[in-house]
Amino acid sequence: MKKEKRTIHHSIKMTPEEDALLQQRMQNFGINNQSAFIRKMALNGYMLNLDLPMIKEAVHLTGRLGNNVNQIAHRLHEGGSIYETEMDEILEEQRKIRSTLDSILIQLERIGK
């Protein structure tokens, strides 16, 4: 990828408090290049920092739920039966997934406002 040549220079002044906030935001996004951060903010207007641990948790819960359903399906296919406690576990895992996804959606809606 060819590096774009930037020939126009912009300069800004900040108070110490504003600079501290700028440095904190750069750290929150894991960006060390101040010029790149300011350029990104100026051109795009905002940056998103998604709470990936919540998404990873939802994926984890979905995987657990899928495993439980597969185990029950295998048992039923072999002529076995399922227990009410197993159904309760599945319903509880569905509730956790729904709650986690609802929390993610609420956070994303706040970004759009």
N, C-alpha and C. Protein backbone atom coordinates (compact mmCIF):
# COMPACT_ATOMS: atom_id res chain seq x y z
N MET A 1 0.85 -1.18 0.00
CA MET A 1 0.00 0.00 0.00
C MET A 1 0.89 1.23 0.00
N LYS A 2 0.66 2.14 -0.93
CA LYS A 2 1.47 3.34 -1.08
C LYS A 2 1.13 4.34 0.02
N LYS A 3 2.16 4.88 0.66
CA LYS A 3 1.96 5.86 1.72
C LYS A 3 1.60 7.20 1.08
N GLU A 4 0.50 7.76 1.56
CA GLU A 4 0.01 9.03 1.02
C GLU A 4 0.86 10.17 1.55
N LYS A 5 1.24 11.09 0.67
CA LYS A 5 2.06 12.22 1.07
C LYS A 5 1.15 13.36 1.54
N ARG A 6 1.34 13.75 2.75
CA ARG A 6 0.55 14.84 3.33
C ARG A 6 1.41 16.11 3.32
N THR A 7 0.93 17.14 2.64
CA THR A 7 1.73 18.35 2.48
C THR A 7 1.14 19.55 3.21
N ILE A 8 -0.10 19.43 3.69
CA ILE A 8 -0.74 20.56 4.36
C ILE A 8 -0.63 20.34 5.87
N HIS A 9 -0.20 21.38 6.56
CA HIS A 9 0.00 21.31 8.01
C HIS A 9 -1.08 22.12 8.74
N HIS A 10 -1.63 21.53 9.80
CA HIS A 10 -2.58 22.23 10.66
C HIS A 10 -2.00 22.25 12.06
N SER A 11 -2.29 23.31 12.77
CA SER A 11 -1.79 23.44 14.13
C SER A 11 -2.95 23.84 15.03
N ILE A 12 -3.00 23.25 16.22
CA ILE A 12 -4.05 23.60 17.18
C ILE A 12 -3.41 23.88 18.53
N LYS A 13 -4.08 24.69 19.32
CA LYS A 13 -3.64 24.97 20.68
C LYS A 13 -4.66 24.40 21.64
N MET A 14 -4.16 23.91 22.78
CA MET A 14 -5.02 23.32 23.79
C MET A 14 -4.58 23.78 25.17
N THR A 15 -5.54 23.75 26.09
CA THR A 15 -5.21 23.97 27.49
C THR A 15 -4.59 22.68 28.03
N PRO A 16 -3.93 22.73 29.15
CA PRO A 16 -3.41 21.48 29.75
C PRO A 16 -4.52 20.46 30.01
N GLU A 17 -5.70 20.93 30.40
CA GLU A 17 -6.82 20.01 30.66
C GLU A 17 -7.28 19.32 29.37
N GLU A 18 -7.38 20.10 28.29
CA GLU A 18 -7.77 19.53 27.01
C GLU A 18 -6.73 18.52 26.51
N ASP A 19 -5.46 18.86 26.69
CA ASP A 19 -4.41 17.94 26.27
C ASP A 19 -4.46 16.64 27.07
N ALA A 20 -4.73 16.75 28.37
CA ALA A 20 -4.84 15.55 29.21
C ALA A 20 -6.01 14.68 28.72
N LEU A 21 -7.12 15.32 28.36
CA LEU A 21 -8.27 14.58 27.85
C LEU A 21 -7.94 13.92 26.51
N LEU A 22 -7.23 14.64 25.65
CA LEU A 22 -6.79 14.09 24.36
C LEU A 22 -5.91 12.86 24.58
N GLN A 23 -4.94 12.98 25.48
CA GLN A 23 -4.04 11.85 25.76
C GLN A 23 -4.81 10.67 26.34
N GLN A 24 -5.77 10.94 27.20
CA GLN A 24 -6.58 9.87 27.78
C GLN A 24 -7.40 9.16 26.72
N ARG A 25 -8.00 9.92 25.83
CA ARG A 25 -8.80 9.30 24.76
C ARG A 25 -7.93 8.49 23.82
N MET A 26 -6.75 8.99 23.51
CA MET A 26 -5.83 8.24 22.66
C MET A 26 -5.47 6.92 23.34
N GLN A 27 -5.21 6.97 24.63
CA GLN A 27 -4.87 5.75 25.39
C GLN A 27 -6.05 4.78 25.40
N ASN A 28 -7.27 5.30 25.59
CA ASN A 28 -8.47 4.44 25.59
C ASN A 28 -8.64 3.68 24.28
N PHE A 29 -8.27 4.32 23.17
CA PHE A 29 -8.40 3.69 21.86
C PHE A 29 -7.14 2.94 21.45
N GLY A 30 -6.10 3.01 22.28
CA GLY A 30 -4.86 2.31 21.97
C GLY A 30 -4.11 2.92 20.80
N ILE A 31 -4.23 4.24 20.64
CA ILE A 31 -3.56 4.93 19.54
C ILE A 31 -2.43 5.77 20.11
N ASN A 32 -1.23 5.59 19.56
CA ASN A 32 -0.06 6.33 20.04
C ASN A 32 0.28 7.52 19.15
N ASN A 33 -0.15 7.51 17.91
CA ASN A 33 0.18 8.57 16.97
C ASN A 33 -0.86 9.68 17.08
N GLN A 34 -0.46 10.79 17.70
CA GLN A 34 -1.38 11.90 17.96
C GLN A 34 -1.91 12.50 16.66
N SER A 35 -1.05 12.63 15.67
CA SER A 35 -1.47 13.20 14.39
C SER A 35 -2.55 12.32 13.75
N ALA A 36 -2.35 11.02 13.77
CA ALA A 36 -3.33 10.10 13.18
C ALA A 36 -4.65 10.16 13.95
N PHE A 37 -4.58 10.26 15.26
CA PHE A 37 -5.79 10.32 16.06
C PHE A 37 -6.58 11.60 15.76
N ILE A 38 -5.91 12.73 15.76
CA ILE A 38 -6.58 14.01 15.50
C ILE A 38 -7.14 14.03 14.07
N ARG A 39 -6.38 13.51 13.10
CA ARG A 39 -6.85 13.46 11.71
C ARG A 39 -8.11 12.59 11.62
N LYS A 40 -8.10 11.43 12.26
CA LYS A 40 -9.25 10.52 12.23
C LYS A 40 -10.47 11.20 12.84
N MET A 41 -10.28 11.87 13.97
CA MET A 41 -11.39 12.55 14.63
C MET A 41 -11.91 13.71 13.76
N ALA A 42 -11.01 14.44 13.15
CA ALA A 42 -11.43 15.60 12.35
C ALA A 42 -12.17 15.16 11.08
N LEU A 43 -11.74 14.09 10.47
CA LEU A 43 -12.34 13.67 9.21
C LEU A 43 -13.61 12.84 9.40
N ASN A 44 -13.66 12.06 10.46
CA ASN A 44 -14.81 11.18 10.68
C ASN A 44 -15.79 11.71 11.71
N GLY A 45 -15.38 12.64 12.51
CA GLY A 45 -16.27 13.23 13.50
C GLY A 45 -16.34 12.48 14.81
N TYR A 46 -16.11 11.17 14.78
CA TYR A 46 -16.13 10.39 16.00
C TYR A 46 -15.42 9.06 15.76
N MET A 47 -15.11 8.40 16.86
CA MET A 47 -14.52 7.06 16.79
C MET A 47 -15.32 6.15 17.72
N LEU A 48 -15.45 4.90 17.35
CA LEU A 48 -16.16 3.94 18.18
C LEU A 48 -15.15 3.08 18.94
N ASN A 49 -15.45 2.85 20.19
CA ASN A 49 -14.68 1.90 20.98
C ASN A 49 -15.68 0.90 21.53
N LEU A 50 -15.86 -0.21 20.83
CA LEU A 50 -16.87 -1.19 21.20
C LEU A 50 -16.40 -2.01 22.39
N ASP A 51 -17.36 -2.35 23.25
CA ASP A 51 -17.07 -3.14 24.44
C ASP A 51 -17.04 -4.61 24.03
N LEU A 52 -15.89 -5.05 23.50
CA LEU A 52 -15.79 -6.40 22.97
C LEU A 52 -15.94 -7.50 24.02
N PRO A 53 -15.57 -7.29 25.28
CA PRO A 53 -15.81 -8.36 26.25
C PRO A 53 -17.28 -8.76 26.33
N MET A 54 -18.19 -7.82 26.19
CA MET A 54 -19.62 -8.15 26.22
C MET A 54 -20.00 -8.98 25.00
N ILE A 55 -19.44 -8.66 23.85
CA ILE A 55 -19.73 -9.42 22.64
C ILE A 55 -19.13 -10.82 22.76
N LYS A 56 -17.92 -10.91 23.30
CA LYS A 56 -17.29 -12.22 23.50
C LYS A 56 -18.12 -13.07 24.47
N GLU A 57 -18.67 -12.44 25.50
CA GLU A 57 -19.52 -13.15 26.45
C GLU A 57 -20.77 -13.69 25.76
N ALA A 58 -21.38 -12.88 24.89
CA ALA A 58 -22.57 -13.33 24.17
C ALA A 58 -22.24 -14.51 23.26
N VAL A 59 -21.09 -14.46 22.60
CA VAL A 59 -20.67 -15.56 21.74
C VAL A 59 -20.42 -16.82 22.58
N HIS A 60 -19.78 -16.64 23.73
CA HIS A 60 -19.51 -17.77 24.63
C HIS A 60 -20.82 -18.42 25.09
N LEU A 61 -21.77 -17.59 25.52
CA LEU A 61 -23.05 -18.11 25.97
C LEU A 61 -23.80 -18.83 24.85
N THR A 62 -23.72 -18.30 23.65
CA THR A 62 -24.37 -18.93 22.50
C THR A 62 -23.76 -20.31 22.23
N GLY A 63 -22.44 -20.40 22.34
CA GLY A 63 -21.77 -21.68 22.16
C GLY A 63 -22.19 -22.70 23.19
N ARG A 64 -22.27 -22.27 24.46
CA ARG A 64 -22.72 -23.18 25.52
C ARG A 64 -24.14 -23.67 25.26
N LEU A 65 -24.99 -22.76 24.86
CA LEU A 65 -26.38 -23.12 24.57
C LEU A 65 -26.44 -24.13 23.43
N GLY A 66 -25.67 -23.88 22.39
CA GLY A 66 -25.63 -24.81 21.26
C GLY A 66 -25.16 -26.20 21.67
N ASN A 67 -24.15 -26.25 22.53
CA ASN A 67 -23.66 -27.54 23.00
C ASN A 67 -24.74 -28.29 23.77
N ASN A 68 -25.44 -27.58 24.64
CA ASN A 68 -26.51 -28.23 25.41
C ASN A 68 -27.62 -28.76 24.50
N VAL A 69 -28.01 -27.97 23.54
CA VAL A 69 -29.07 -28.40 22.61
C VAL A 69 -28.61 -29.62 21.81
N ASN A 70 -27.35 -29.61 21.36
CA ASN A 70 -26.83 -30.76 20.60
C ASN A 70 -26.81 -32.03 21.44
N GLN A 71 -26.40 -31.92 22.70
CA GLN A 71 -26.38 -33.09 23.58
C GLN A 71 -27.79 -33.66 23.76
N ILE A 72 -28.76 -32.78 23.95
CA ILE A 72 -30.15 -33.23 24.11
C ILE A 72 -30.65 -33.87 22.82
N ALA A 73 -30.33 -33.26 21.68
CA ALA A 73 -30.77 -33.81 20.39
C ALA A 73 -30.19 -35.20 20.17
N HIS A 74 -28.90 -35.41 20.51
CA HIS A 74 -28.29 -36.74 20.37
C HIS A 74 -29.00 -37.76 21.26
N ARG A 75 -29.27 -37.37 22.48
CA ARG A 75 -29.93 -38.28 23.42
C ARG A 75 -31.33 -38.66 22.92
N LEU A 76 -32.08 -37.66 22.43
CA LEU A 76 -33.43 -37.94 21.92
C LEU A 76 -33.37 -38.82 20.67
N HIS A 77 -32.37 -38.58 19.82
CA HIS A 77 -32.21 -39.37 18.60
C HIS A 77 -31.94 -40.84 18.93
N GLU A 78 -31.25 -41.07 20.04
CA GLU A 78 -30.93 -42.44 20.46
C GLU A 78 -32.06 -43.08 21.27
N GLY A 79 -33.18 -42.38 21.39
CA GLY A 79 -34.33 -42.93 22.10
C GLY A 79 -34.38 -42.58 23.57
N GLY A 80 -33.52 -41.69 24.01
CA GLY A 80 -33.51 -41.27 25.41
C GLY A 80 -34.53 -40.19 25.67
N SER A 81 -34.47 -39.64 26.87
CA SER A 81 -35.40 -38.57 27.23
C SER A 81 -34.61 -37.39 27.79
N ILE A 82 -35.30 -36.27 27.95
CA ILE A 82 -34.65 -35.10 28.52
C ILE A 82 -35.30 -34.78 29.86
N TYR A 83 -34.54 -34.11 30.69
CA TYR A 83 -35.02 -33.77 32.02
C TYR A 83 -35.47 -32.31 32.05
N GLU A 84 -36.39 -32.03 32.93
CA GLU A 84 -36.90 -30.66 33.06
C GLU A 84 -35.78 -29.70 33.46
N THR A 85 -34.84 -30.17 34.25
CA THR A 85 -33.72 -29.29 34.66
C THR A 85 -32.87 -28.90 33.47
N GLU A 86 -32.75 -29.79 32.48
CA GLU A 86 -32.00 -29.45 31.27
C GLU A 86 -32.70 -28.35 30.50
N MET A 87 -34.01 -28.43 30.42
CA MET A 87 -34.76 -27.38 29.73
C MET A 87 -34.64 -26.06 30.49
N ASP A 88 -34.67 -26.14 31.82
CA ASP A 88 -34.51 -24.93 32.63
C ASP A 88 -33.14 -24.29 32.38
N GLU A 89 -32.09 -25.11 32.25
CA GLU A 89 -30.75 -24.59 31.97
C GLU A 89 -30.72 -23.88 30.61
N ILE A 90 -31.36 -24.49 29.62
CA ILE A 90 -31.39 -23.88 28.29
C ILE A 90 -32.14 -22.55 28.33
N LEU A 91 -33.26 -22.52 29.00
CA LEU A 91 -34.02 -21.26 29.10
C LEU A 91 -33.23 -20.20 29.84
N GLU A 92 -32.48 -20.57 30.87
CA GLU A 92 -31.66 -19.61 31.61
C GLU A 92 -30.52 -19.09 30.74
N GLU A 93 -29.90 -19.97 29.95
CA GLU A 93 -28.83 -19.52 29.05
C GLU A 93 -29.39 -18.60 27.97
N GLN A 94 -30.58 -18.89 27.48
CA GLN A 94 -31.21 -17.99 26.50
C GLN A 94 -31.47 -16.62 27.12
N ARG A 95 -31.92 -16.60 28.38
CA ARG A 95 -32.17 -15.34 29.07
C ARG A 95 -30.88 -14.54 29.21
N LYS A 96 -29.77 -15.21 29.56
CA LYS A 96 -28.48 -14.52 29.71
C LYS A 96 -28.02 -13.93 28.37
N ILE A 97 -28.18 -14.71 27.31
CA ILE A 97 -27.78 -14.23 25.98
C ILE A 97 -28.62 -13.00 25.61
N ARG A 98 -29.93 -13.10 25.79
CA ARG A 98 -30.81 -11.98 25.47
C ARG A 98 -30.44 -10.74 26.27
N SER A 99 -30.16 -10.91 27.55
CA SER A 99 -29.79 -9.78 28.41
C SER A 99 -28.48 -9.15 27.96
N THR A 100 -27.50 -9.98 27.63
CA THR A 100 -26.21 -9.46 27.17
C THR A 100 -26.37 -8.70 25.87
N LEU A 101 -27.11 -9.27 24.92
CA LEU A 101 -27.32 -8.59 23.64
C LEU A 101 -28.12 -7.31 23.81
N ASP A 102 -29.11 -7.30 24.71
CA ASP A 102 -29.86 -6.07 24.99
C ASP A 102 -28.94 -4.98 25.52
N SER A 103 -28.01 -5.34 26.40
CA SER A 103 -27.06 -4.37 26.95
C SER A 103 -26.18 -3.79 25.86
N ILE A 104 -25.74 -4.64 24.95
CA ILE A 104 -24.91 -4.17 23.83
C ILE A 104 -25.71 -3.21 22.96
N LEU A 105 -26.96 -3.55 22.64
CA LEU A 105 -27.79 -2.67 21.82
C LEU A 105 -28.04 -1.33 22.48
N ILE A 106 -28.26 -1.33 23.78
CA ILE A 106 -28.48 -0.07 24.51
C ILE A 106 -27.25 0.82 24.40
N GLN A 107 -26.06 0.23 24.55
CA GLN A 107 -24.83 1.01 24.44
C GLN A 107 -24.65 1.54 23.03
N LEU A 108 -24.96 0.74 22.03
CA LEU A 108 -24.84 1.21 20.64
C LEU A 108 -25.85 2.31 20.33
N GLU A 109 -27.06 2.23 20.90
CA GLU A 109 -28.05 3.28 20.69
C GLU A 109 -27.58 4.61 21.29
N ARG A 110 -26.89 4.55 22.42
CA ARG A 110 -26.38 5.78 23.04
C ARG A 110 -25.36 6.47 22.14
N ILE A 111 -24.60 5.68 21.40
CA ILE A 111 -23.58 6.25 20.50
C ILE A 111 -24.25 7.07 19.40
N GLY A 112 -25.38 6.56 18.90
CA GLY A 112 -26.06 7.21 17.79
C GLY A 112 -26.79 8.49 18.16
N LYS A 113 -26.90 8.79 19.45
CA LYS A 113 -27.65 9.99 19.86
C LYS A 113 -26.75 11.16 20.07
